[in-house]
Amino acid sequence: MVLLVLSVTPVQIQPYARNIAKAEEYLARHFNGNLQLIYESEDPGPHWLRCEFTSFQWRYNQTYWLYSDNLFAYLALRSHYPELSDRIRTAIQSYRQPPADFFEVLGGERIQLPLHDAQDFIVAQSDSHVVLIRRHNSTRLAFGNYVDFWMYEALEYALEYNLASAVFLVHRAEALWRGNGLSDWSFTVFDHMFSNQKLALLLFTARAIGIRLVHEDEMEAHLWSMQNDDGGIASLSYPNGKKAGSANAETTALTILIYNQQLLAHFPKVEIPTISASVTMAILPLVMVLLLLLSYGNKRRVLIV
């Protein structure tokens, strides 16, 4: 008996493998072994939370978000830094905080719709650090043209097998692509800066539900052009598409998650992948040879798997 196994899955080389590795290293370097958490950013400027909390005194490298930052980092590091990922997950659980009812959907957990606006809470603090959570539990419903809201909503719709609504929201976000960023209300109404974490979310959601964006390759290349020398992904970019300043843990982790096949597999897909025409033509001559061999009857048995 001759056993012949034909593989119809083409070998794919990840063109951004080195970029992904550098991004993972960035997160690992920002891990605080005492807190077992990753800090928000290396940005040296005053923290934006001073506008929200009048007594906020900590820098970005002293600020630790259980979610979204460390939730995303735990998921992003699970493949290549499993021990570090487990330590972050254990640290998050040790604070015994209620869920965000928002960010968890990336891990395949269900969230409530309609979405609500966010509230930030300090759960631990000292002179040298502060630990926070962001929960979407405001009495106000989330409102406005914000790509991140749409993508979290789309992922929940996908888990509900309401794929038509998920696809609608993805294409709605895709229509805001301007070649160097997504022009939702954050850009057009507020600071006129593109948010790169929203671009990562769009790419993740499209892949999660199995649809190919028209400008996906361009979007992906632009997102990686936001990578700094330290491996982190800049959180913001200027209207001309040039990266603006420092990276942060949230944007970097989300960019890594675009390639997490185990995570993407949690979501129902719109399309079932088929064998491409090029692959079909490549294996056709071999199939014809096998048919000829089969015609010899008792001389040899060929099993095609």
Protein backbone atom coordinates (compact mmCIF):
# COMPACT_ATOMS: atom_id res chain seq x y z
CA MET A 1 0.00 0.00 0.00
CA VAL A 2 1.20 3.46 -0.84
CA LEU A 3 -0.07 6.24 1.41
CA LEU A 4 -0.04 9.61 -0.25
CA VAL A 5 -1.11 12.72 1.65
CA LEU A 6 -1.93 15.83 -0.34
CA SER A 7 -1.81 19.17 1.47
CA VAL A 8 -4.02 21.85 -0.04
CA THR A 9 -3.08 24.52 2.51
CA PRO A 10 -0.39 26.82 1.12
CA VAL A 11 2.51 27.64 3.41
CA GLN A 12 2.17 31.25 4.52
CA ILE A 13 5.10 33.32 5.70
CA GLN A 14 4.10 36.12 8.04
CA PRO A 15 5.68 39.27 6.55
CA TYR A 16 5.37 41.12 9.87
CA ALA A 17 6.84 38.37 12.07
CA ARG A 18 9.77 40.51 13.20
CA ASN A 19 7.49 43.46 13.90
CA ILE A 20 5.23 41.25 16.01
CA ALA A 21 8.21 39.94 17.98
CA LYS A 22 9.41 43.49 18.67
CA ALA A 23 5.93 44.49 19.82
CA GLU A 24 5.81 41.53 22.20
CA GLU A 25 9.23 42.49 23.56
CA TYR A 26 7.96 46.03 24.14
CA LEU A 27 5.14 44.73 26.33
CA ALA A 28 7.43 42.34 28.20
CA ARG A 29 9.90 45.15 29.01
CA HIS A 30 7.09 47.20 30.56
CA PHE A 31 6.16 44.44 32.99
CA ASN A 32 6.45 45.37 36.67
CA GLY A 33 7.46 42.26 38.60
CA ASN A 34 6.17 43.63 41.90
CA LEU A 35 2.69 44.43 40.61
CA GLN A 36 2.70 41.66 37.99
CA LEU A 37 1.22 44.16 35.55
CA ILE A 38 2.29 46.19 32.51
CA TYR A 39 2.28 49.97 32.76
CA GLU A 40 0.42 52.14 30.30
CA SER A 41 3.17 53.97 28.41
CA GLU A 42 6.67 55.42 28.55
CA ASP A 43 5.33 58.85 27.57
CA PRO A 44 7.08 61.50 29.74
CA GLY A 45 4.27 64.06 29.61
CA PRO A 46 1.53 64.75 32.16
CA HIS A 47 -1.21 62.12 32.23
CA TRP A 48 -4.55 62.93 30.62
CA LEU A 49 -6.32 61.56 33.70
CA ARG A 50 -5.45 64.81 35.49
CA CYS A 51 -8.46 66.24 33.67
CA GLU A 52 -10.67 63.52 35.16
CA PHE A 53 -9.25 63.14 38.67
CA THR A 54 -8.20 66.45 40.25
CA SER A 55 -5.67 64.76 42.55
CA PHE A 56 -4.14 62.48 39.89
CA GLN A 57 -0.36 62.64 40.40
CA TRP A 58 1.05 59.65 38.55
CA ARG A 59 2.97 59.44 35.29
CA TYR A 60 2.17 57.09 32.44
CA ASN A 61 4.86 54.65 33.57
CA GLN A 62 3.22 54.55 37.00
CA THR A 63 -0.29 53.92 35.65
CA TYR A 64 -1.62 50.37 35.33
CA TRP A 65 -4.99 49.61 33.73
CA LEU A 66 -6.40 46.17 34.53
CA TYR A 67 -8.59 46.70 31.49
CA SER A 68 -8.15 47.40 28.82
CA ASP A 69 -4.33 47.42 28.80
CA ASN A 70 -3.44 44.36 30.86
CA LEU A 71 -6.39 42.33 29.62
CA PHE A 72 -5.19 42.87 26.05
CA ALA A 73 -1.55 42.28 27.03
CA TYR A 74 -2.44 38.98 28.69
CA LEU A 75 -4.14 37.84 25.48
CA ALA A 76 -1.38 39.19 23.22
CA LEU A 77 1.46 37.48 25.13
CA ARG A 78 -0.25 34.13 25.55
CA SER A 79 1.35 32.57 22.45
CA HIS A 80 5.03 33.41 22.95
CA TYR A 81 5.21 34.51 26.59
CA PRO A 82 2.80 32.07 28.28
CA GLU A 83 4.32 32.36 31.76
CA LEU A 84 4.21 36.15 31.68
CA SER A 85 0.67 36.03 30.31
CA ASP A 86 -0.45 33.80 33.18
CA ARG A 87 1.12 36.14 35.74
CA ILE A 88 -0.77 39.11 34.29
CA ARG A 89 -4.05 37.19 34.24
CA THR A 90 -3.57 36.12 37.87
CA ALA A 91 -2.81 39.70 38.88
CA ILE A 92 -5.96 40.98 37.16
CA GLN A 93 -8.07 38.37 38.95
CA SER A 94 -6.50 39.17 42.32
CA TYR A 95 -8.17 42.60 42.36
CA ARG A 96 -11.62 40.97 42.16
CA GLN A 97 -13.13 43.76 40.11
CA PRO A 98 -16.37 43.54 38.12
CA PRO A 99 -15.97 43.11 34.35
CA ALA A 100 -15.72 46.02 31.96
CA ASP A 101 -18.66 44.68 29.90
CA PHE A 102 -16.80 45.88 26.83
CA PHE A 103 -13.19 44.81 26.30
CA GLU A 104 -13.77 41.14 27.19
CA VAL A 105 -15.50 40.47 23.90
CA LEU A 106 -12.11 40.26 22.16
CA GLY A 107 -11.49 37.11 24.17
CA GLY A 108 -14.78 35.60 23.03
CA GLU A 109 -16.79 36.59 26.13
CA ARG A 110 -20.29 37.96 25.76
CA ILE A 111 -21.11 41.58 26.59
CA GLN A 112 -24.40 43.42 26.93
CA LEU A 113 -25.93 45.47 24.14
CA PRO A 114 -26.62 48.31 23.75
CA LEU A 115 -23.24 49.62 24.84
CA HIS A 116 -22.93 52.23 27.56
CA ASP A 117 -20.42 55.03 28.04
CA ALA A 118 -17.32 54.41 30.13
CA GLN A 119 -16.39 55.29 33.69
CA ASP A 120 -12.88 55.07 35.16
CA PHE A 121 -12.22 53.82 38.69
CA ILE A 122 -9.07 53.80 40.82
CA VAL A 123 -8.85 50.43 42.57
CA ALA A 124 -5.41 50.71 44.23
CA GLN A 125 -2.79 53.41 44.69
CA SER A 126 0.45 54.33 46.39
CA ASP A 127 3.01 57.08 45.98
CA SER A 128 4.66 55.12 43.17
CA HIS A 129 1.74 53.63 41.21
CA VAL A 130 -1.98 53.62 40.54
CA VAL A 131 -4.17 50.75 39.31
CA LEU A 132 -7.40 51.49 37.44
CA ILE A 133 -10.24 49.86 35.56
CA ARG A 134 -12.51 51.21 32.87
CA ARG A 135 -16.08 49.96 32.94
CA HIS A 136 -18.79 50.66 30.41
CA ASN A 137 -21.51 50.92 33.01
CA SER A 138 -22.54 54.56 32.75
CA THR A 139 -26.24 55.37 32.78
CA ARG A 140 -25.68 57.00 29.37
CA LEU A 141 -25.86 54.88 26.26
CA ALA A 142 -22.79 54.98 24.01
CA PHE A 143 -23.52 57.35 21.17
CA GLY A 144 -21.66 58.68 18.15
CA ASN A 145 -19.55 57.69 15.18
CA TYR A 146 -16.73 55.95 17.01
CA VAL A 147 -15.01 53.03 15.31
CA ASP A 148 -14.02 51.35 18.57
CA PHE A 149 -17.63 51.27 19.79
CA TRP A 150 -18.74 49.83 16.46
CA MET A 151 -16.12 47.08 16.57
CA TYR A 152 -16.92 45.92 20.10
CA GLU A 153 -20.57 45.89 19.12
CA ALA A 154 -19.78 43.96 15.92
CA LEU A 155 -17.85 41.30 17.84
CA GLU A 156 -20.80 40.80 20.19
CA TYR A 157 -23.16 40.55 17.22
CA ALA A 158 -20.88 37.89 15.75
CA LEU A 159 -21.03 35.87 18.97
CA GLU A 160 -24.82 36.12 18.71
CA TYR A 161 -24.57 34.78 15.13
CA ASN A 162 -26.02 38.06 13.92
CA LEU A 163 -23.34 38.30 11.25
CA ALA A 164 -25.31 40.67 9.03
CA SER A 165 -25.14 43.37 11.72
CA ALA A 166 -21.46 42.65 12.36
CA VAL A 167 -20.60 42.98 8.67
CA PHE A 168 -22.59 46.21 8.40
CA LEU A 169 -20.60 47.81 11.23
CA VAL A 170 -17.26 46.66 9.82
CA HIS A 171 -18.05 48.13 6.41
CA ARG A 172 -19.33 51.29 8.07
CA ALA A 173 -15.96 51.69 9.77
CA GLU A 174 -14.06 50.77 6.62
CA ALA A 175 -15.79 53.66 4.81
CA LEU A 176 -13.99 56.07 7.17
CA TRP A 177 -10.54 55.02 5.94
CA ARG A 178 -8.68 58.01 4.51
CA GLY A 179 -5.43 56.33 3.49
CA ASN A 180 -3.67 57.24 6.73
CA GLY A 181 -6.30 56.75 9.43
CA LEU A 182 -9.97 56.41 10.31
CA SER A 183 -11.89 59.68 10.42
CA ASP A 184 -14.50 59.00 13.07
CA TRP A 185 -15.67 61.64 15.53
CA SER A 186 -12.45 61.43 17.55
CA PHE A 187 -10.70 62.86 14.49
CA THR A 188 -13.33 65.13 12.94
CA VAL A 189 -14.91 66.59 16.08
CA PHE A 190 -12.30 66.46 18.83
CA ASP A 191 -8.51 66.37 18.50
CA HIS A 192 -7.98 65.88 14.73
CA MET A 193 -5.61 63.01 15.47
CA PHE A 194 -6.00 59.48 14.14
CA SER A 195 -6.32 56.73 16.75
CA ASN A 196 -4.24 53.71 15.76
CA GLN A 197 -5.88 51.37 18.24
CA LYS A 198 -9.12 51.83 16.28
CA LEU A 199 -7.40 50.72 13.09
CA ALA A 200 -6.10 47.63 14.88
CA LEU A 201 -9.60 46.92 16.17
CA LEU A 202 -11.05 47.17 12.67
CA LEU A 203 -8.50 44.72 11.28
CA PHE A 204 -9.05 42.33 14.18
CA THR A 205 -12.83 42.41 13.81
CA ALA A 206 -12.76 41.92 10.04
CA ARG A 207 -10.55 38.86 10.43
CA ALA A 208 -12.59 37.59 13.37
CA ILE A 209 -15.75 37.42 11.25
CA GLY A 210 -13.95 36.28 8.11
CA ILE A 211 -14.25 39.19 5.70
CA ARG A 212 -11.56 40.76 3.58
CA LEU A 213 -11.37 44.57 3.61
CA VAL A 214 -10.82 46.34 0.30
CA HIS A 215 -7.82 48.26 1.66
CA GLU A 216 -6.70 45.67 4.21
CA ASP A 217 -3.10 45.41 3.02
CA GLU A 218 -2.76 49.19 2.98
CA MET A 219 -4.27 49.47 6.46
CA GLU A 220 -2.01 46.76 7.84
CA ALA A 221 1.13 48.32 6.37
CA HIS A 222 0.14 51.73 7.71
CA LEU A 223 -0.47 50.34 11.19
CA TRP A 224 2.99 48.79 11.30
CA SER A 225 4.50 52.05 10.07
CA MET A 226 3.38 53.39 13.45
CA GLN A 227 5.88 51.12 15.22
CA ASN A 228 8.60 52.97 17.13
CA ASP A 229 12.19 51.80 17.50
CA ASP A 230 11.36 50.36 20.92
CA GLY A 231 8.76 48.04 19.33
CA GLY A 232 5.68 49.82 20.63
CA ILE A 233 2.92 51.08 18.33
CA ALA A 234 2.28 54.82 18.54
CA SER A 235 -1.20 55.42 19.87
CA LEU A 236 -1.85 58.51 17.72
CA SER A 237 -0.91 59.88 14.32
CA TYR A 238 -1.19 63.29 12.69
CA PRO A 239 -3.64 64.11 9.87
CA ASN A 240 -0.81 63.54 7.37
CA GLY A 241 -0.43 59.98 8.69
CA LYS A 242 2.87 60.51 10.51
CA LYS A 243 3.09 58.89 13.93
CA ALA A 244 2.75 61.18 16.92
CA GLY A 245 4.86 60.52 19.98
CA SER A 246 4.93 57.54 22.26
CA ALA A 247 3.41 54.10 22.08
CA ASN A 248 1.14 52.55 24.67
CA ALA A 249 0.29 49.07 25.86
CA GLU A 250 -3.28 49.08 24.53
CA THR A 251 -2.45 49.91 20.91
CA THR A 252 0.57 47.60 20.86
CA ALA A 253 -1.33 44.63 22.29
CA LEU A 254 -4.27 45.14 19.91
CA THR A 255 -1.91 45.16 16.94
CA ILE A 256 -0.45 41.83 18.03
CA LEU A 257 -3.92 40.34 18.45
CA ILE A 258 -4.66 40.77 14.74
CA TYR A 259 -2.49 37.66 14.19
CA ASN A 260 -3.77 35.52 17.07
CA GLN A 261 -5.46 32.70 15.15
CA GLN A 262 -6.59 30.94 18.32
CA LEU A 263 -8.41 34.07 19.44
CA LEU A 264 -9.87 34.80 16.01
CA ALA A 265 -11.24 31.25 15.88
CA HIS A 266 -13.68 32.04 18.72
CA PHE A 267 -15.89 33.98 16.31
CA PRO A 268 -18.31 32.66 13.69
CA LYS A 269 -17.19 33.41 10.14
CA VAL A 270 -19.12 34.91 7.26
CA GLU A 271 -17.23 32.90 4.68
CA ILE A 272 -15.71 29.44 4.66
CA PRO A 273 -12.22 29.65 3.13
CA THR A 274 -11.90 27.80 -0.18
CA ILE A 275 -8.92 26.49 -2.11
CA SER A 276 -7.56 29.24 -4.33
CA ALA A 277 -7.42 28.83 -8.10
CA SER A 278 -3.62 28.87 -8.08
CA VAL A 279 -3.48 26.02 -5.58
CA THR A 280 -6.05 24.04 -7.57
CA MET A 281 -4.00 24.37 -10.79
CA ALA A 282 -0.83 23.37 -8.95
CA ILE A 283 -2.26 20.08 -7.67
CA LEU A 284 -4.28 19.18 -10.78
CA PRO A 285 -1.44 17.36 -12.61
CA LEU A 286 -0.73 15.30 -9.51
CA VAL A 287 -4.39 14.33 -9.23
CA MET A 288 -4.39 13.18 -12.86
CA VAL A 289 -1.33 11.00 -12.25
CA LEU A 290 -3.07 9.46 -9.26
CA LEU A 291 -6.12 8.64 -11.37
CA LEU A 292 -3.89 6.86 -13.87
CA LEU A 293 -2.30 4.86 -11.07
CA LEU A 294 -5.72 3.87 -9.80
CA SER A 295 -6.59 2.50 -13.23
CA TYR A 296 -3.98 -0.23 -12.78
CA GLY A 297 -6.33 -1.85 -10.29
CA ASN A 298 -4.56 -4.57 -8.32
CA LYS A 299 -1.02 -3.31 -8.86
CA ARG A 300 -1.25 -0.61 -6.18
CA ARG A 301 -3.77 1.05 -3.93
CA VAL A 302 -3.52 4.79 -3.50
CA LEU A 303 -5.25 6.60 -0.68
CA ILE A 304 -5.83 10.31 -1.09
CA VAL A 305 -6.41 12.17 2.17
